[in-house]
Amino acid sequence: MPATENAPLRLPPALRKQRGLAQHTDPVRALMRAQGLSTVCEEARCPNLGECFGAATATFMILGDRCTRRCHFCNVRTGRGAPPDVEEPQRLADAAAQLGLRHVVITSVDRDDLEDRGAAHFAACIAAVRTGVPGATIEVLTPDFGGDARHIDVVLAAAPDVFNHNLETVERLYRQVRPQSSWQHTTGLLAHVARAGHRAVKSGIMVGLGEDDDEVVATLDRMRELGVHIATVGQYLRPTRTHWTVARYLEEPSWQRFVAHGRAIGLSHVFAGPFVRSSYHAREAHLAHRAASASPSLREHP
């Protein structure tokens, strides 16, 4: 049920996270503004912004700060974006180098107004980081590209180290939460990337949208079937009163169950907890996946 039709739950004190002192976060903000770059950390009002900016890291959001879709959980503004900025890839690489990043995460708004939905721009950003930040690993968190395999293949050809695309929620709620998106496109993208032989396929969901724990477990099973290696599960936190209402706040036994189940079914890494987000501690998740992938039981998915 949409957010405006439910009485909101009170945020538990344990989920009130500090935004970080300005003296620690302002250098990253200043760098992003100087380079004309956006971060999903700011646009989506991520609760981890203070921690991540304070540690001189951020998730770059390319192709502008206007999304052509309106998901009920997301704080990114909706609208038609400007044409892709051909200088953005180099500015992104320069910022990543100045921050000293060893793992660079690149995401974007949906750009359904572009013929290739932004795929070539993703590839250009990957290439720029490869040149500008030698030795850094690169993770992309992509939109669904309208389910078009040709666009997905453009990003695959640029060889990101981690290919991430989020399921966001369980199948039963998907159409309500993401009315302009498609479960088939989302699952199809993940399956396509896995079939292409990518060694680090990642996906995540939010919980607290109205699902139950059994549905989360079933979604982890579905991820495994699709060929996902790394899974993230985090608590949905309502960004404003006009967004989807939080149905529940999960407690520690649920997070432990998700991690244990993911390991049991052969996911190489499961990161679950109230503040977990797609790119939160992304380098650590990638390193854990690489270490686990050395196990013969995890080299092939069912």
C-alpha atoms as a PDB file:
ATOM      1  CA  MET A   1       0.000   0.000   0.000  1.00  0.00           C
ATOM      2  CA  PRO A   2       1.392   3.463  -0.844  1.00  0.00           C
ATOM      3  CA  ALA A   3       3.042   5.512   1.838  1.00  0.00           C
ATOM      4  CA  THR A   4       0.270   8.066   2.145  1.00  0.00           C
ATOM      5  CA  GLU A   5      -2.266   5.366   3.049  1.00  0.00           C
ATOM      6  CA  ASN A   6      -0.438   3.962   6.076  1.00  0.00           C
ATOM      7  CA  ALA A   7       0.321   5.471   9.454  1.00  0.00           C
ATOM      8  CA  PRO A   8       4.114   5.707   9.758  1.00  0.00           C
ATOM      9  CA  LEU A   9       6.070   3.620  12.237  1.00  0.00           C
ATOM     10  CA  ARG A  10       8.354   5.461  14.634  1.00  0.00           C
ATOM     11  CA  LEU A  11      12.030   5.087  13.741  1.00  0.00           C
ATOM     12  CA  PRO A  12      13.796   3.032  16.447  1.00  0.00           C
ATOM     13  CA  PRO A  13      16.595   4.933  18.232  1.00  0.00           C
ATOM     14  CA  ALA A  14      19.127   2.318  17.066  1.00  0.00           C
ATOM     15  CA  LEU A  15      18.453   3.336  13.457  1.00  0.00           C
ATOM     16  CA  ARG A  16      19.166   7.013  13.999  1.00  0.00           C
ATOM     17  CA  LYS A  17      22.562   7.333  12.390  1.00  0.00           C
ATOM     18  CA  GLN A  18      24.756  10.427  12.614  1.00  0.00           C
ATOM     19  CA  ARG A  19      25.172  12.348   9.348  1.00  0.00           C
ATOM     20  CA  GLY A  20      28.799  13.152  10.090  1.00  0.00           C
ATOM     21  CA  LEU A  21      30.582  16.366  11.016  1.00  0.00           C
ATOM     22  CA  ALA A  22      30.833  18.964   8.273  1.00  0.00           C
ATOM     23  CA  GLN A  23      34.602  19.177   8.706  1.00  0.00           C
ATOM     24  CA  HIS A  24      34.829  15.502   7.736  1.00  0.00           C
ATOM     25  CA  THR A  25      32.221  15.386   4.953  1.00  0.00           C
ATOM     26  CA  ASP A  26      32.644  18.790   3.319  1.00  0.00           C
ATOM     27  CA  PRO A  27      35.904  17.943   1.466  1.00  0.00           C
ATOM     28  CA  VAL A  28      34.121  15.218  -0.521  1.00  0.00           C
ATOM     29  CA  ARG A  29      31.125  17.476  -1.181  1.00  0.00           C
ATOM     30  CA  ALA A  30      33.447  20.251  -2.341  1.00  0.00           C
ATOM     31  CA  LEU A  31      35.318  17.919  -4.684  1.00  0.00           C
ATOM     32  CA  MET A  32      32.081  16.667  -6.235  1.00  0.00           C
ATOM     33  CA  ARG A  33      30.791  20.202  -6.776  1.00  0.00           C
ATOM     34  CA  ALA A  34      34.135  21.321  -8.237  1.00  0.00           C
ATOM     35  CA  GLN A  35      34.049  18.420 -10.695  1.00  0.00           C
ATOM     36  CA  GLY A  36      30.355  18.869 -11.482  1.00  0.00           C
ATOM     37  CA  LEU A  37      29.544  15.354 -10.254  1.00  0.00           C
ATOM     38  CA  SER A  38      26.576  13.844  -8.419  1.00  0.00           C
ATOM     39  CA  THR A  39      26.586  11.130  -5.780  1.00  0.00           C
ATOM     40  CA  VAL A  40      23.764   8.744  -4.994  1.00  0.00           C
ATOM     41  CA  CYS A  41      24.795   9.200  -1.359  1.00  0.00           C
ATOM     42  CA  GLU A  42      23.420  12.744  -1.424  1.00  0.00           C
ATOM     43  CA  GLU A  43      20.580  12.377  -3.918  1.00  0.00           C
ATOM     44  CA  ALA A  44      19.099   9.304  -2.195  1.00  0.00           C
ATOM     45  CA  ARG A  45      19.692  10.662   1.333  1.00  0.00           C
ATOM     46  CA  CYS A  46      21.713   7.599   2.298  1.00  0.00           C
ATOM     47  CA  PRO A  47      22.067   7.153   6.085  1.00  0.00           C
ATOM     48  CA  ASN A  48      25.710   6.141   5.580  1.00  0.00           C
ATOM     49  CA  LEU A  49      26.738   9.433   3.972  1.00  0.00           C
ATOM     50  CA  GLY A  50      28.586  10.702   7.037  1.00  0.00           C
ATOM     51  CA  GLU A  51      30.526   7.476   7.431  1.00  0.00           C
ATOM     52  CA  CYS A  52      31.435   7.161   3.754  1.00  0.00           C
ATOM     53  CA  PHE A  53      32.219  10.810   3.032  1.00  0.00           C
ATOM     54  CA  GLY A  54      34.185  10.909   6.267  1.00  0.00           C
ATOM     55  CA  ALA A  55      36.272   8.020   4.948  1.00  0.00           C
ATOM     56  CA  ALA A  56      36.781   9.867   1.631  1.00  0.00           C
ATOM     57  CA  THR A  57      34.656   7.548  -0.460  1.00  0.00           C
ATOM     58  CA  ALA A  58      31.429   7.967  -2.415  1.00  0.00           C
ATOM     59  CA  THR A  59      29.259   6.316  -5.047  1.00  0.00           C
ATOM     60  CA  PHE A  60      29.242   8.305  -8.271  1.00  0.00           C
ATOM     61  CA  MET A  61      25.886   8.859  -9.984  1.00  0.00           C
ATOM     62  CA  ILE A  62      26.298   9.558 -13.687  1.00  0.00           C
ATOM     63  CA  LEU A  63      23.970  10.869 -16.398  1.00  0.00           C
ATOM     64  CA  GLY A  64      22.566  13.662 -14.249  1.00  0.00           C
ATOM     65  CA  ASP A  65      20.389  13.895 -11.170  1.00  0.00           C
ATOM     66  CA  ARG A  66      16.983  13.504 -12.864  1.00  0.00           C
ATOM     67  CA  CYS A  67      15.487  10.035 -13.278  1.00  0.00           C
ATOM     68  CA  THR A  68      12.900   9.185 -15.932  1.00  0.00           C
ATOM     69  CA  ARG A  69      11.182   6.813 -13.500  1.00  0.00           C
ATOM     70  CA  ARG A  70       9.518   7.358 -10.151  1.00  0.00           C
ATOM     71  CA  CYS A  71       9.949   4.491  -7.693  1.00  0.00           C
ATOM     72  CA  HIS A  72       7.986   4.876  -4.464  1.00  0.00           C
ATOM     73  CA  PHE A  73      11.021   4.311  -2.231  1.00  0.00           C
ATOM     74  CA  CYS A  74      13.538   6.588  -3.981  1.00  0.00           C
ATOM     75  CA  ASN A  75      14.391  10.208  -3.234  1.00  0.00           C
ATOM     76  CA  VAL A  76      16.069  10.963  -6.578  1.00  0.00           C
ATOM     77  CA  ARG A  77      14.120  13.581  -8.497  1.00  0.00           C
ATOM     78  CA  THR A  78      12.058  12.609 -11.547  1.00  0.00           C
ATOM     79  CA  GLY A  79      12.339  14.423 -14.865  1.00  0.00           C
ATOM     80  CA  ARG A  80      14.003  14.515 -18.247  1.00  0.00           C
ATOM     81  CA  GLY A  81      17.767  14.798 -17.978  1.00  0.00           C
ATOM     82  CA  ALA A  82      20.236  16.770 -20.059  1.00  0.00           C
ATOM     83  CA  PRO A  83      22.193  15.067 -22.858  1.00  0.00           C
ATOM     84  CA  PRO A  84      25.106  12.945 -21.560  1.00  0.00           C
ATOM     85  CA  ASP A  85      28.101  15.088 -20.671  1.00  0.00           C
ATOM     86  CA  VAL A  86      31.028  13.765 -22.718  1.00  0.00           C
ATOM     87  CA  GLU A  87      33.483  15.211 -20.192  1.00  0.00           C
ATOM     88  CA  GLU A  88      31.877  13.518 -17.184  1.00  0.00           C
ATOM     89  CA  PRO A  89      33.860  10.240 -17.478  1.00  0.00           C
ATOM     90  CA  GLN A  90      37.181  12.081 -17.215  1.00  0.00           C
ATOM     91  CA  ARG A  91      35.995  14.269 -14.336  1.00  0.00           C
ATOM     92  CA  LEU A  92      34.775  11.146 -12.534  1.00  0.00           C
ATOM     93  CA  ALA A  93      38.155   9.454 -13.012  1.00  0.00           C
ATOM     94  CA  ASP A  94      39.943  12.584 -11.785  1.00  0.00           C
ATOM     95  CA  ALA A  95      37.766  12.696  -8.639  1.00  0.00           C
ATOM     96  CA  ALA A  96      38.322   8.988  -7.964  1.00  0.00           C
ATOM     97  CA  ALA A  97      42.065   9.530  -8.269  1.00  0.00           C
ATOM     98  CA  GLN A  98      42.002  12.537  -5.935  1.00  0.00           C
ATOM     99  CA  LEU A  99      40.077  10.510  -3.354  1.00  0.00           C
ATOM    100  CA  GLY A 100      42.577   7.667  -3.659  1.00  0.00           C
ATOM    101  CA  LEU A 101      39.818   5.117  -4.274  1.00  0.00           C
ATOM    102  CA  ARG A 102      40.810   1.495  -4.678  1.00  0.00           C
ATOM    103  CA  HIS A 103      37.272   0.416  -5.568  1.00  0.00           C
ATOM    104  CA  VAL A 104      35.150   2.783  -7.657  1.00  0.00           C
ATOM    105  CA  VAL A 105      31.370   2.382  -7.664  1.00  0.00           C
ATOM    106  CA  ILE A 106      29.396   3.953 -10.520  1.00  0.00           C
ATOM    107  CA  THR A 107      25.612   4.083 -10.676  1.00  0.00           C
ATOM    108  CA  SER A 108      23.109   6.181 -12.618  1.00  0.00           C
ATOM    109  CA  VAL A 109      19.597   7.421 -12.842  1.00  0.00           C
ATOM    110  CA  ASP A 110      17.283   5.691 -15.332  1.00  0.00           C
ATOM    111  CA  ARG A 111      17.572   7.358 -18.725  1.00  0.00           C
ATOM    112  CA  ASP A 112      14.720   5.882 -20.736  1.00  0.00           C
ATOM    113  CA  ASP A 113      14.876   8.991 -22.941  1.00  0.00           C
ATOM    114  CA  LEU A 114      18.218   7.917 -24.447  1.00  0.00           C
ATOM    115  CA  GLU A 115      18.400   5.462 -27.333  1.00  0.00           C
ATOM    116  CA  ASP A 116      20.871   3.206 -25.510  1.00  0.00           C
ATOM    117  CA  ARG A 117      19.520   4.125 -22.036  1.00  0.00           C
ATOM    118  CA  GLY A 118      22.981   5.347 -21.054  1.00  0.00           C
ATOM    119  CA  ALA A 119      24.971   2.163 -21.724  1.00  0.00           C
ATOM    120  CA  ALA A 120      27.706   3.825 -23.789  1.00  0.00           C
ATOM    121  CA  HIS A 121      28.204   6.444 -21.083  1.00  0.00           C
ATOM    122  CA  PHE A 122      28.686   3.709 -18.482  1.00  0.00           C
ATOM    123  CA  ALA A 123      31.309   2.126 -20.748  1.00  0.00           C
ATOM    124  CA  ALA A 124      33.067   5.467 -21.189  1.00  0.00           C
ATOM    125  CA  CYS A 125      33.208   5.997 -17.424  1.00  0.00           C
ATOM    126  CA  ILE A 126      34.657   2.530 -16.881  1.00  0.00           C
ATOM    127  CA  ALA A 127      37.326   3.170 -19.532  1.00  0.00           C
ATOM    128  CA  ALA A 128      38.238   6.538 -18.022  1.00  0.00           C
ATOM    129  CA  VAL A 129      38.658   5.055 -14.536  1.00  0.00           C
ATOM    130  CA  ARG A 130      40.765   2.190 -15.900  1.00  0.00           C
ATOM    131  CA  THR A 131      43.143   4.757 -17.375  1.00  0.00           C
ATOM    132  CA  GLY A 132      42.999   7.370 -14.628  1.00  0.00           C
ATOM    133  CA  VAL A 133      43.063   5.103 -11.574  1.00  0.00           C
ATOM    134  CA  PRO A 134      45.276   2.142 -12.492  1.00  0.00           C
ATOM    135  CA  GLY A 135      44.799  -0.855 -10.236  1.00  0.00           C
ATOM    136  CA  ALA A 136      41.397   0.221  -8.912  1.00  0.00           C
ATOM    137  CA  THR A 137      38.553  -2.240  -9.225  1.00  0.00           C
ATOM    138  CA  ILE A 138      35.318  -0.963 -10.727  1.00  0.00           C
ATOM    139  CA  GLU A 139      31.743  -1.782  -9.762  1.00  0.00           C
ATOM    140  CA  VAL A 140      28.711  -0.678 -11.738  1.00  0.00           C
ATOM    141  CA  LEU A 141      25.179  -0.523 -10.345  1.00  0.00           C
ATOM    142  CA  THR A 142      23.093  -0.232 -13.479  1.00  0.00           C
ATOM    143  CA  PRO A 143      19.471   0.374 -14.428  1.00  0.00           C
ATOM    144  CA  ASP A 144      17.698  -2.361 -16.396  1.00  0.00           C
ATOM    145  CA  PHE A 145      18.320  -0.772 -19.832  1.00  0.00           C
ATOM    146  CA  GLY A 146      14.757  -1.656 -20.743  1.00  0.00           C
ATOM    147  CA  GLY A 147      15.698  -5.319 -20.770  1.00  0.00           C
ATOM    148  CA  ASP A 148      17.656  -4.861 -24.016  1.00  0.00           C
ATOM    149  CA  ALA A 149      20.591  -7.284 -24.099  1.00  0.00           C
ATOM    150  CA  ARG A 150      22.422  -5.130 -26.667  1.00  0.00           C
ATOM    151  CA  HIS A 151      22.770  -2.324 -24.134  1.00  0.00           C
ATOM    152  CA  ILE A 152      23.741  -4.691 -21.330  1.00  0.00           C
ATOM    153  CA  ASP A 153      26.471  -6.107 -23.572  1.00  0.00           C
ATOM    154  CA  VAL A 154      27.951  -2.628 -24.122  1.00  0.00           C
ATOM    155  CA  VAL A 155      28.576  -2.373 -20.373  1.00  0.00           C
ATOM    156  CA  LEU A 156      29.798  -5.969 -20.155  1.00  0.00           C
ATOM    157  CA  ALA A 157      32.312  -5.313 -22.939  1.00  0.00           C
ATOM    158  CA  ALA A 158      33.856  -2.552 -20.814  1.00  0.00           C
ATOM    159  CA  ALA A 159      34.662  -5.284 -18.254  1.00  0.00           C
ATOM    160  CA  PRO A 160      33.613  -3.894 -14.862  1.00  0.00           C
ATOM    161  CA  ASP A 161      34.929  -6.019 -12.003  1.00  0.00           C
ATOM    162  CA  VAL A 162      31.476  -6.178 -10.364  1.00  0.00           C
ATOM    163  CA  PHE A 163      28.169  -5.976 -12.227  1.00  0.00           C
ATOM    164  CA  ASN A 164      25.395  -4.978  -9.829  1.00  0.00           C
ATOM    165  CA  HIS A 165      21.686  -4.631 -10.536  1.00  0.00           C
ATOM    166  CA  ASN A 166      19.164  -4.592  -7.723  1.00  0.00           C
ATOM    167  CA  LEU A 167      15.970  -6.597  -7.455  1.00  0.00           C
ATOM    168  CA  GLU A 168      15.017  -3.967  -4.828  1.00  0.00           C
ATOM    169  CA  THR A 169      12.103  -5.952  -3.354  1.00  0.00           C
ATOM    170  CA  VAL A 170      10.347  -9.319  -3.450  1.00  0.00           C
ATOM    171  CA  GLU A 171       8.414 -10.306  -6.564  1.00  0.00           C
ATOM    172  CA  ARG A 172       4.980  -9.883  -4.958  1.00  0.00           C
ATOM    173  CA  LEU A 173       5.621  -6.196  -4.205  1.00  0.00           C
ATOM    174  CA  TYR A 174       7.736  -5.323  -7.209  1.00  0.00           C
ATOM    175  CA  ARG A 175       5.065  -3.834  -9.448  1.00  0.00           C
ATOM    176  CA  GLN A 176       3.617  -1.716  -6.631  1.00  0.00           C
ATOM    177  CA  VAL A 177       6.974  -0.397  -5.466  1.00  0.00           C
ATOM    178  CA  ARG A 178       8.435   0.088  -8.957  1.00  0.00           C
ATOM    179  CA  PRO A 179       5.449   0.745 -11.246  1.00  0.00           C
ATOM    180  CA  GLN A 180       7.550   1.791 -14.251  1.00  0.00           C
ATOM    181  CA  SER A 181       9.919  -1.164 -14.019  1.00  0.00           C
ATOM    182  CA  SER A 182       9.651  -4.859 -14.804  1.00  0.00           C
ATOM    183  CA  TRP A 183      10.522  -7.911 -12.710  1.00  0.00           C
ATOM    184  CA  GLN A 184      11.202  -9.750 -15.970  1.00  0.00           C
ATOM    185  CA  HIS A 185      13.669  -7.094 -17.142  1.00  0.00           C
ATOM    186  CA  THR A 186      15.428  -7.085 -13.781  1.00  0.00           C
ATOM    187  CA  THR A 187      15.758 -10.852 -13.467  1.00  0.00           C
ATOM    188  CA  GLY A 188      16.561 -11.144 -17.169  1.00  0.00           C
ATOM    189  CA  LEU A 189      19.453  -8.701 -16.867  1.00  0.00           C
ATOM    190  CA  LEU A 190      21.002 -10.621 -13.985  1.00  0.00           C
ATOM    191  CA  ALA A 191      20.614 -13.933 -15.809  1.00  0.00           C
ATOM    192  CA  HIS A 192      22.135 -12.460 -18.976  1.00  0.00           C
ATOM    193  CA  VAL A 193      25.176 -11.112 -17.126  1.00  0.00           C
ATOM    194  CA  ALA A 194      25.676 -14.469 -15.388  1.00  0.00           C
ATOM    195  CA  ARG A 195      25.337 -16.414 -18.647  1.00  0.00           C
ATOM    196  CA  ALA A 196      27.977 -14.157 -20.162  1.00  0.00           C
ATOM    197  CA  GLY A 197      30.359 -15.572 -17.577  1.00  0.00           C
ATOM    198  CA  HIS A 198      30.811 -12.516 -15.391  1.00  0.00           C
ATOM    199  CA  ARG A 199      32.631 -13.524 -12.239  1.00  0.00           C
ATOM    200  CA  ALA A 200      31.045 -11.074  -9.811  1.00  0.00           C
ATOM    201  CA  VAL A 201      27.304 -10.583 -10.255  1.00  0.00           C
ATOM    202  CA  LYS A 202      25.659  -8.673  -7.439  1.00  0.00           C
ATOM    203  CA  SER A 203      22.110  -7.779  -6.452  1.00  0.00           C
ATOM    204  CA  GLY A 204      20.249  -6.469  -3.432  1.00  0.00           C
ATOM    205  CA  ILE A 205      16.875  -5.875  -1.883  1.00  0.00           C
ATOM    206  CA  MET A 206      15.368  -3.623   0.753  1.00  0.00           C
ATOM    207  CA  VAL A 207      13.256  -5.089   3.527  1.00  0.00           C
ATOM    208  CA  GLY A 208      10.486  -3.512   5.523  1.00  0.00           C
ATOM    209  CA  LEU A 209       8.346  -2.732   2.479  1.00  0.00           C
ATOM    210  CA  GLY A 210       5.643  -5.251   3.348  1.00  0.00           C
ATOM    211  CA  GLU A 211       7.330  -8.587   2.694  1.00  0.00           C
ATOM    212  CA  ASP A 212       7.955 -11.297   5.295  1.00  0.00           C
ATOM    213  CA  ASP A 213      11.172 -13.145   6.097  1.00  0.00           C
ATOM    214  CA  ASP A 214      10.159 -16.216   4.102  1.00  0.00           C
ATOM    215  CA  GLU A 215       9.792 -14.062   0.997  1.00  0.00           C
ATOM    216  CA  VAL A 216      13.261 -12.632   1.558  1.00  0.00           C
ATOM    217  CA  VAL A 217      14.675 -16.138   1.801  1.00  0.00           C
ATOM    218  CA  ALA A 218      12.849 -17.103  -1.401  1.00  0.00           C
ATOM    219  CA  THR A 219      14.315 -14.030  -3.114  1.00  0.00           C
ATOM    220  CA  LEU A 220      17.818 -15.074  -2.106  1.00  0.00           C
ATOM    221  CA  ASP A 221      17.043 -18.463  -3.666  1.00  0.00           C
ATOM    222  CA  ARG A 222      15.947 -16.692  -6.831  1.00  0.00           C
ATOM    223  CA  MET A 223      19.161 -14.657  -6.897  1.00  0.00           C
ATOM    224  CA  ARG A 224      21.157 -17.858  -6.699  1.00  0.00           C
ATOM    225  CA  GLU A 225      19.168 -19.400  -9.544  1.00  0.00           C
ATOM    226  CA  LEU A 226      19.858 -16.327 -11.679  1.00  0.00           C
ATOM    227  CA  GLY A 227      23.598 -16.612 -11.125  1.00  0.00           C
ATOM    228  CA  VAL A 228      24.109 -13.883  -8.539  1.00  0.00           C
ATOM    229  CA  HIS A 229      27.235 -14.201  -6.394  1.00  0.00           C
ATOM    230  CA  ILE A 230      26.976 -11.271  -3.955  1.00  0.00           C
ATOM    231  CA  ALA A 231      23.727 -10.300  -2.220  1.00  0.00           C
ATOM    232  CA  THR A 232      22.905  -7.293  -0.058  1.00  0.00           C
ATOM    233  CA  VAL A 233      19.867  -6.974   2.213  1.00  0.00           C
ATOM    234  CA  GLY A 234      19.166  -3.705   4.019  1.00  0.00           C
ATOM    235  CA  GLN A 235      16.427  -2.001   5.977  1.00  0.00           C
ATOM    236  CA  TYR A 236      14.246   0.382   3.982  1.00  0.00           C
ATOM    237  CA  LEU A 237      14.226   3.813   5.611  1.00  0.00           C
ATOM    238  CA  ARG A 238      11.580   6.208   4.346  1.00  0.00           C
ATOM    239  CA  PRO A 239      13.318   9.329   2.933  1.00  0.00           C
ATOM    240  CA  THR A 240      10.285  11.633   3.275  1.00  0.00           C
ATOM    241  CA  ARG A 241       6.645  11.461   4.370  1.00  0.00           C
ATOM    242  CA  THR A 242       5.517  11.214   0.734  1.00  0.00           C
ATOM    243  CA  HIS A 243       7.425   7.977   0.115  1.00  0.00           C
ATOM    244  CA  TRP A 244       6.404   4.366   0.688  1.00  0.00           C
ATOM    245  CA  THR A 245       5.637   3.671   4.328  1.00  0.00           C
ATOM    246  CA  VAL A 246       7.907   1.386   6.351  1.00  0.00           C
ATOM    247  CA  ALA A 247       5.898  -1.735   7.209  1.00  0.00           C
ATOM    248  CA  ARG A 248       8.345  -3.076   9.809  1.00  0.00           C
ATOM    249  CA  TYR A 249      11.815  -2.695  11.249  1.00  0.00           C
ATOM    250  CA  LEU A 250      13.683  -5.972  11.259  1.00  0.00           C
ATOM    251  CA  GLU A 251      15.617  -7.314  14.251  1.00  0.00           C
ATOM    252  CA  GLU A 252      18.871  -9.221  14.535  1.00  0.00           C
ATOM    253  CA  PRO A 253      17.488 -12.796  14.173  1.00  0.00           C
ATOM    254  CA  SER A 254      16.164 -11.914  10.714  1.00  0.00           C
ATOM    255  CA  TRP A 255      19.503 -10.528   9.526  1.00  0.00           C
ATOM    256  CA  GLN A 256      21.277 -13.622  10.847  1.00  0.00           C
ATOM    257  CA  ARG A 257      18.805 -15.882   9.077  1.00  0.00           C
ATOM    258  CA  PHE A 258      19.370 -14.166   5.732  1.00  0.00           C
ATOM    259  CA  VAL A 259      23.152 -14.432   5.996  1.00  0.00           C
ATOM    260  CA  ALA A 260      23.035 -18.084   7.075  1.00  0.00           C
ATOM    261  CA  HIS A 261      20.601 -19.001   4.316  1.00  0.00           C
ATOM    262  CA  GLY A 262      22.609 -17.222   1.638  1.00  0.00           C
ATOM    263  CA  ARG A 263      25.741 -19.051   2.664  1.00  0.00           C
ATOM    264  CA  ALA A 264      23.889 -22.369   2.778  1.00  0.00           C
ATOM    265  CA  ILE A 265      22.650 -22.045  -0.802  1.00  0.00           C
ATOM    266  CA  GLY A 266      26.084 -21.092  -2.126  1.00  0.00           C
ATOM    267  CA  LEU A 267      26.105 -17.329  -2.453  1.00  0.00           C
ATOM    268  CA  SER A 268      29.726 -16.261  -2.100  1.00  0.00           C
ATOM    269  CA  HIS A 269      28.928 -13.266   0.077  1.00  0.00           C
ATOM    270  CA  VAL A 270      25.780 -12.063   1.840  1.00  0.00           C
ATOM    271  CA  PHE A 271      25.822  -8.680   3.552  1.00  0.00           C
ATOM    272  CA  ALA A 272      22.668  -8.091   5.612  1.00  0.00           C
ATOM    273  CA  GLY A 273      21.878  -5.484   8.240  1.00  0.00           C
ATOM    274  CA  PRO A 274      19.848  -2.355   8.892  1.00  0.00           C
ATOM    275  CA  PHE A 275      22.286   0.070   7.253  1.00  0.00           C
ATOM    276  CA  VAL A 276      23.414  -2.178   4.403  1.00  0.00           C
ATOM    277  CA  ARG A 277      23.075  -0.580   0.973  1.00  0.00           C
ATOM    278  CA  SER A 278      24.158  -1.720  -2.487  1.00  0.00           C
ATOM    279  CA  SER A 279      27.515   0.035  -2.418  1.00  0.00           C
ATOM    280  CA  TYR A 280      28.106   0.082   1.337  1.00  0.00           C
ATOM    281  CA  HIS A 281      31.541  -1.455   2.002  1.00  0.00           C
ATOM    282  CA  ALA A 282      31.502  -2.533  -1.637  1.00  0.00           C
ATOM    283  CA  ARG A 283      35.241  -3.201  -1.817  1.00  0.00           C
ATOM    284  CA  GLU A 284      35.101  -5.477   1.223  1.00  0.00           C
ATOM    285  CA  ALA A 285      32.165  -7.369  -0.308  1.00  0.00           C
ATOM    286  CA  HIS A 286      34.084  -7.836  -3.558  1.00  0.00           C
ATOM    287  CA  LEU A 287      37.185  -9.063  -1.738  1.00  0.00           C
ATOM    288  CA  ALA A 288      35.086 -11.498   0.311  1.00  0.00           C
ATOM    289  CA  HIS A 289      33.536 -12.812  -2.906  1.00  0.00           C
ATOM    290  CA  ARG A 290      36.931 -13.308  -4.519  1.00  0.00           C
ATOM    291  CA  ALA A 291      38.200 -15.203  -1.484  1.00  0.00           C
ATOM    292  CA  ALA A 292      35.087 -17.391  -1.313  1.00  0.00           C
ATOM    293  CA  SER A 293      35.186 -18.058  -5.056  1.00  0.00           C
ATOM    294  CA  ALA A 294      38.353 -20.055  -4.553  1.00  0.00           C
ATOM    295  CA  SER A 295      36.121 -22.766  -3.078  1.00  0.00           C
ATOM    296  CA  PRO A 296      35.198 -25.351  -5.755  1.00  0.00           C
ATOM    297  CA  SER A 297      31.591 -25.481  -4.510  1.00  0.00           C
ATOM    298  CA  LEU A 298      31.093 -21.821  -5.475  1.00  0.00           C
ATOM    299  CA  ARG A 299      32.622 -21.864  -8.928  1.00  0.00           C
ATOM    300  CA  GLU A 300      29.410 -22.898 -10.623  1.00  0.00           C
ATOM    301  CA  HIS A 301      25.839 -21.861  -9.861  1.00  0.00           C
ATOM    302  CA  PRO A 302      22.983 -24.339 -10.229  1.00  0.00           C
END
